[in-house]
Every structure is written in structure tokens, then in C-alpha cells.
Amino acid sequence: MDVFSIYGNVWRLIDGFFFLLAAVLFFLGVLSAPIVVKKEIKPLLWYPLWMWGLIKRHIDLGAPFLKLWALIFSLNSVSLFCNLVSGLFIILPPLFSFLLGIHIAIISLKELGKVRLAFLILNPVSLFELPAAWISLSLGMSLGRELYLSKYANVLSLFGRELMGYVFFVLPLLVIAGFIEVFLIKALERGSTIDSGFNGEKGQGQNGTSCDKL
């Protein structure tokens, strides 16, 4: 069986309705985030701000390209794997879809402001990461539905089937998103270095002029 046949079979695991439901709940979360921030609803603010602070403290953006990619890919793949596993509890995937939108929007509002919220969602990285997230959530929803209908019979078999969708669709999207993200980080880092160099040269010229005058 060739690769195209495998993907054709696995593609059937992705439920279009659940995929759209995950996307809709995500954007409802995004739209709710400004209210959460304005009202300072601490139970909803705590987790995304804590996680974002943890990431900023422990991720070295100056690390080598592949090391930084591996770290970002690992974090994203574990996070989206949890979306799939949440299907074991049936109600969690829809809730996670909504909370994902809230969390991403809260971080954007705190870091970038309202103007750049749309950019956070429409940037090249998100064009791969968000569909990957929605697919993982839709797989979790499908798993929850099948477990409910079967009264939790053949849990391992059902989980293994949905896991195929995660491996063949979610992980490849995260691989691509990770490379794009690290490329952008390194490009911005290089641009900042160049700007700093120009500013440094300008500053030295100004200092030299001042010294000459003294």
C-alpha cells in the first residue's frame, strides 16, 4: 500500500463536523478573551499567563536552529496529544477547543495588544498549527463519541485508530509549523542584531563627537 492510499484511509478518520465545531469553539474563545481580560477573571487568566511565563523563562531563543525546533515541536506535539487523550472523558475536547481560543487570545492581548490579535491567528505559523490543533480536537471528539456509543468497549482499539490521524496529519503539520516558527525567530533575531549594530555605530559616532567637543 502506497503513501497516498494510507493517507486516503486515515483521512476518513477526521470528522468534518467535529473539525468545524473545534474551529468555531476556538473562535468563540478568542472573542471571549477581551471580556476575560477586562473583567480580570482570574481562573481563566491564571493558566495561560503562568504557562507563557514558564515558556519565556525556559526557552532560549538563541539556541541552535534544530535544538530550538525540537523543543517547540515537542511542546506542541505533547499539547495536541493531550487534546486527543481528552476524548477519553467525552466532554473535554469541546471545552479544550474553547479554552484554547481564550488562552491564545489572552497571551496575544497581554503581549501584543488588540491590534495584533488578528496577526497572531493569521500568521504563517498559525496557518499550520491551528488546523493541527483542530484536527487533534476533532479526533478527541470522535473518540469520545465512539466510546460513548460503545459504552467504553474496545478502548485501546478505538484510541489506536484515532491515534493514526494524529500521527499522519497532526505531527506533519507541527513539523512544518515548527520550522517556519524557528525560521521567523532567527530572522527577527538577525534583524535585531543588524539594527543594534547600526545603532551602536551611530552611538559611537555621537559619543566621539561629544568627546571631541569636550
Protein backbone atom coordinates (compact mmCIF):
# COMPACT_ATOMS: atom_id res chain seq x y z
CA MET A 1 0.00 0.00 0.00
CA ASP A 2 1.49 3.36 -1.03
CA VAL A 3 1.58 6.57 0.98
CA PHE A 4 -1.38 8.11 -0.85
CA SER A 5 -3.55 5.09 -0.08
CA ILE A 6 -2.58 5.22 3.59
CA TYR A 7 -3.41 8.92 3.82
CA GLY A 8 -6.65 8.34 1.96
CA ASN A 9 -7.72 5.76 4.52
CA VAL A 10 -6.57 7.81 7.52
CA TRP A 11 -8.29 10.93 6.17
CA ARG A 12 -11.63 9.22 6.76
CA LEU A 13 -10.91 9.32 10.49
CA ILE A 14 -11.22 13.11 10.52
CA ASP A 15 -14.83 14.06 11.07
CA GLY A 16 -15.60 17.27 9.17
CA PHE A 17 -18.37 18.30 11.58
CA PHE A 18 -16.13 17.91 14.64
CA PHE A 19 -13.32 19.77 12.87
CA LEU A 20 -15.64 22.72 12.20
CA LEU A 21 -17.02 22.52 15.73
CA ALA A 22 -13.49 22.72 17.15
CA ALA A 23 -12.75 25.76 14.95
CA VAL A 24 -16.00 27.52 15.89
CA LEU A 25 -15.47 26.92 19.62
CA PHE A 26 -11.89 28.16 19.26
CA PHE A 27 -13.00 31.46 17.72
CA LEU A 28 -15.73 31.83 20.36
CA GLY A 29 -12.92 31.56 22.89
CA VAL A 30 -10.91 34.21 21.03
CA LEU A 31 -13.91 36.55 21.05
CA SER A 32 -14.44 35.93 24.77
CA ALA A 33 -10.85 36.69 25.74
CA PRO A 34 -11.16 40.52 25.78
CA ILE A 35 -14.00 40.19 28.30
CA VAL A 36 -11.91 37.83 30.43
CA VAL A 37 -9.02 40.31 30.40
CA LYS A 38 -11.22 43.36 31.03
CA LYS A 39 -13.11 41.70 33.90
CA GLU A 40 -9.88 40.11 35.18
CA ILE A 41 -11.46 36.67 35.56
CA LYS A 42 -8.54 35.09 37.39
CA PRO A 43 -9.50 31.38 36.98
CA LEU A 44 -9.30 31.86 33.19
CA LEU A 45 -6.27 34.18 33.27
CA TRP A 46 -4.07 32.11 35.56
CA TYR A 47 -3.17 29.15 33.35
CA PRO A 48 -2.26 30.93 30.05
CA LEU A 49 -0.22 33.63 31.83
CA TRP A 50 1.54 31.05 34.01
CA MET A 51 2.33 28.83 31.03
CA TRP A 52 3.50 31.76 28.91
CA GLY A 53 5.80 32.95 31.70
CA LEU A 54 7.18 29.43 32.06
CA ILE A 55 7.88 29.19 28.33
CA LYS A 56 9.59 32.59 28.22
CA ARG A 57 11.83 31.65 31.16
CA HIS A 58 12.91 28.27 29.86
CA ILE A 59 13.05 28.58 26.06
CA ASP A 60 16.34 30.01 24.81
CA LEU A 61 15.55 31.73 21.51
CA GLY A 62 19.26 31.95 20.84
CA ALA A 63 19.64 28.14 20.81
CA PRO A 64 20.79 26.41 17.59
CA PHE A 65 18.11 26.06 14.91
CA LEU A 66 17.44 22.32 15.26
CA LYS A 67 17.54 22.39 19.07
CA LEU A 68 15.00 25.21 19.20
CA TRP A 69 12.84 23.44 16.61
CA ALA A 70 12.94 20.18 18.60
CA LEU A 71 11.86 21.98 21.77
CA ILE A 72 8.98 23.83 20.10
CA PHE A 73 7.86 20.69 18.26
CA SER A 74 7.97 18.64 21.47
CA LEU A 75 5.87 21.15 23.41
CA ASN A 76 3.28 21.44 20.64
CA SER A 77 3.07 17.71 19.99
CA VAL A 78 2.55 16.90 23.68
CA SER A 79 -0.08 19.63 23.97
CA LEU A 80 -2.04 18.39 20.95
CA PHE A 81 -1.67 14.78 22.04
CA CYS A 82 -3.48 15.79 25.23
CA ASN A 83 -6.33 17.02 23.02
CA LEU A 84 -6.67 13.53 21.61
CA VAL A 85 -6.42 11.87 25.03
CA SER A 86 -9.10 14.23 26.36
CA GLY A 87 -11.58 12.29 24.23
CA LEU A 88 -11.47 9.58 26.88
CA PHE A 89 -13.55 11.95 29.00
CA ILE A 90 -16.02 12.82 26.19
CA ILE A 91 -16.88 16.38 27.25
CA LEU A 92 -13.30 17.67 27.45
CA PRO A 93 -12.46 18.14 23.72
CA PRO A 94 -15.20 20.79 23.16
CA LEU A 95 -14.15 22.51 26.39
CA PHE A 96 -10.48 22.41 25.36
CA SER A 97 -11.41 23.92 21.97
CA PHE A 98 -13.00 26.92 23.68
CA LEU A 99 -10.20 27.30 26.23
CA LEU A 100 -7.53 27.11 23.53
CA GLY A 101 -9.03 30.17 21.85
CA ILE A 102 -9.20 32.02 25.16
CA HIS A 103 -5.62 31.14 26.11
CA ILE A 104 -4.06 32.16 22.80
CA ALA A 105 -6.02 35.41 22.69
CA ILE A 106 -5.17 36.29 26.30
CA ILE A 107 -1.45 35.88 25.63
CA SER A 108 -1.79 37.98 22.48
CA LEU A 109 -3.70 40.73 24.27
CA LYS A 110 -1.18 40.85 27.10
CA GLU A 111 1.88 40.75 24.87
CA LEU A 112 0.81 42.48 21.65
CA GLY A 113 -2.48 44.29 22.22
CA LYS A 114 -5.74 44.13 20.28
CA VAL A 115 -4.28 45.41 17.01
CA ARG A 116 -2.04 42.38 16.55
CA LEU A 117 -4.51 39.74 17.75
CA ALA A 118 -5.62 39.04 14.17
CA PHE A 119 -1.98 38.73 13.08
CA LEU A 120 -1.34 36.13 15.77
CA ILE A 121 -4.09 33.95 14.29
CA LEU A 122 -3.32 34.63 10.61
CA ASN A 123 0.49 34.43 10.69
CA PRO A 124 2.24 31.64 8.69
CA VAL A 125 2.87 29.51 11.78
CA SER A 126 -0.78 29.54 12.87
CA LEU A 127 -1.89 28.55 9.37
CA PHE A 128 -0.36 25.15 10.16
CA GLU A 129 -0.65 24.99 13.96
CA LEU A 130 -4.34 25.85 14.21
CA PRO A 131 -5.55 23.20 11.73
CA ALA A 132 -3.32 20.72 13.58
CA ALA A 133 -4.99 21.72 16.85
CA TRP A 134 -8.49 21.47 15.37
CA ILE A 135 -7.72 18.05 13.89
CA SER A 136 -6.43 16.78 17.25
CA LEU A 137 -9.53 18.12 18.97
CA SER A 138 -11.82 16.60 16.32
CA LEU A 139 -10.08 13.25 16.83
CA GLY A 140 -10.70 13.60 20.55
CA MET A 141 -14.37 14.33 19.89
CA SER A 142 -14.64 11.32 17.58
CA LEU A 143 -13.01 9.14 20.21
CA GLY A 144 -15.42 10.39 22.85
CA ARG A 145 -18.41 9.71 20.61
CA GLU A 146 -17.29 6.17 19.80
CA LEU A 147 -16.54 5.40 23.43
CA TYR A 148 -19.96 6.69 24.46
CA LEU A 149 -21.77 4.65 21.79
CA SER A 150 -19.79 1.51 22.60
CA LYS A 151 -20.08 2.06 26.36
CA TYR A 152 -16.30 2.10 26.64
CA ALA A 153 -15.80 -1.25 24.95
CA ASN A 154 -12.52 -1.73 23.00
CA VAL A 155 -10.97 1.45 24.37
CA LEU A 156 -7.46 0.59 23.16
CA SER A 157 -8.67 -0.29 19.66
CA LEU A 158 -10.64 2.93 19.32
CA PHE A 159 -7.80 5.04 20.71
CA GLY A 160 -5.31 3.39 18.37
CA ARG A 161 -7.49 4.19 15.39
CA GLU A 162 -7.74 7.88 16.26
CA LEU A 163 -4.01 7.91 17.04
CA MET A 164 -3.36 7.19 13.36
CA GLY A 165 -4.95 10.52 12.48
CA TYR A 166 -2.69 12.25 14.99
CA VAL A 167 0.46 10.61 13.59
CA PHE A 168 -0.33 11.11 9.89
CA PHE A 169 -1.85 14.60 9.99
CA VAL A 170 -1.18 16.44 13.25
CA LEU A 171 2.53 15.67 13.59
CA PRO A 172 3.46 16.58 9.97
CA LEU A 173 1.67 19.92 10.35
CA LEU A 174 3.57 20.57 13.57
CA VAL A 175 6.87 19.68 11.89
CA ILE A 176 6.23 22.31 9.21
CA ALA A 177 4.93 24.90 11.70
CA GLY A 178 7.99 24.39 13.89
CA PHE A 179 10.43 25.01 11.05
CA ILE A 180 8.55 28.15 9.99
CA GLU A 181 8.44 29.44 13.56
CA VAL A 182 12.14 28.93 14.19
CA PHE A 183 13.00 30.45 10.80
CA LEU A 184 10.99 33.57 11.71
CA ILE A 185 12.57 33.73 15.16
CA LYS A 186 16.06 33.52 13.71
CA ALA A 187 15.22 36.07 11.00
CA LEU A 188 13.92 38.54 13.59
CA GLU A 189 16.91 37.85 15.81
CA ARG A 190 19.27 38.53 12.90
CA GLY A 191 17.40 41.72 12.05
CA SER A 192 17.62 42.90 15.65
CA THR A 193 21.35 42.22 15.66
CA ILE A 194 21.83 44.24 12.49
CA ASP A 195 19.74 47.10 13.90
CA SER A 196 21.74 47.01 17.12
CA GLY A 197 24.94 47.17 15.10
CA PHE A 198 23.78 50.26 13.22
CA ASN A 199 22.58 51.87 16.45
CA GLY A 200 25.87 51.03 18.11
CA GLU A 201 27.84 52.63 15.32
CA LYS A 202 25.62 55.69 15.48
CA GLY A 203 26.00 55.86 19.24
CA GLN A 204 29.77 55.59 19.00
CA GLY A 205 29.85 58.42 16.48
CA GLN A 206 27.80 60.61 18.74
CA ASN A 207 29.98 59.82 21.73
CA GLY A 208 33.09 60.52 19.73
CA THR A 209 31.74 63.87 18.61
CA SER A 210 30.89 64.79 22.17
CA CYS A 211 34.35 63.88 23.35
CA ASP A 212 35.91 65.95 20.59
CA LYS A 213 33.85 68.92 21.68
CA LEU A 214 34.93 68.49 25.28
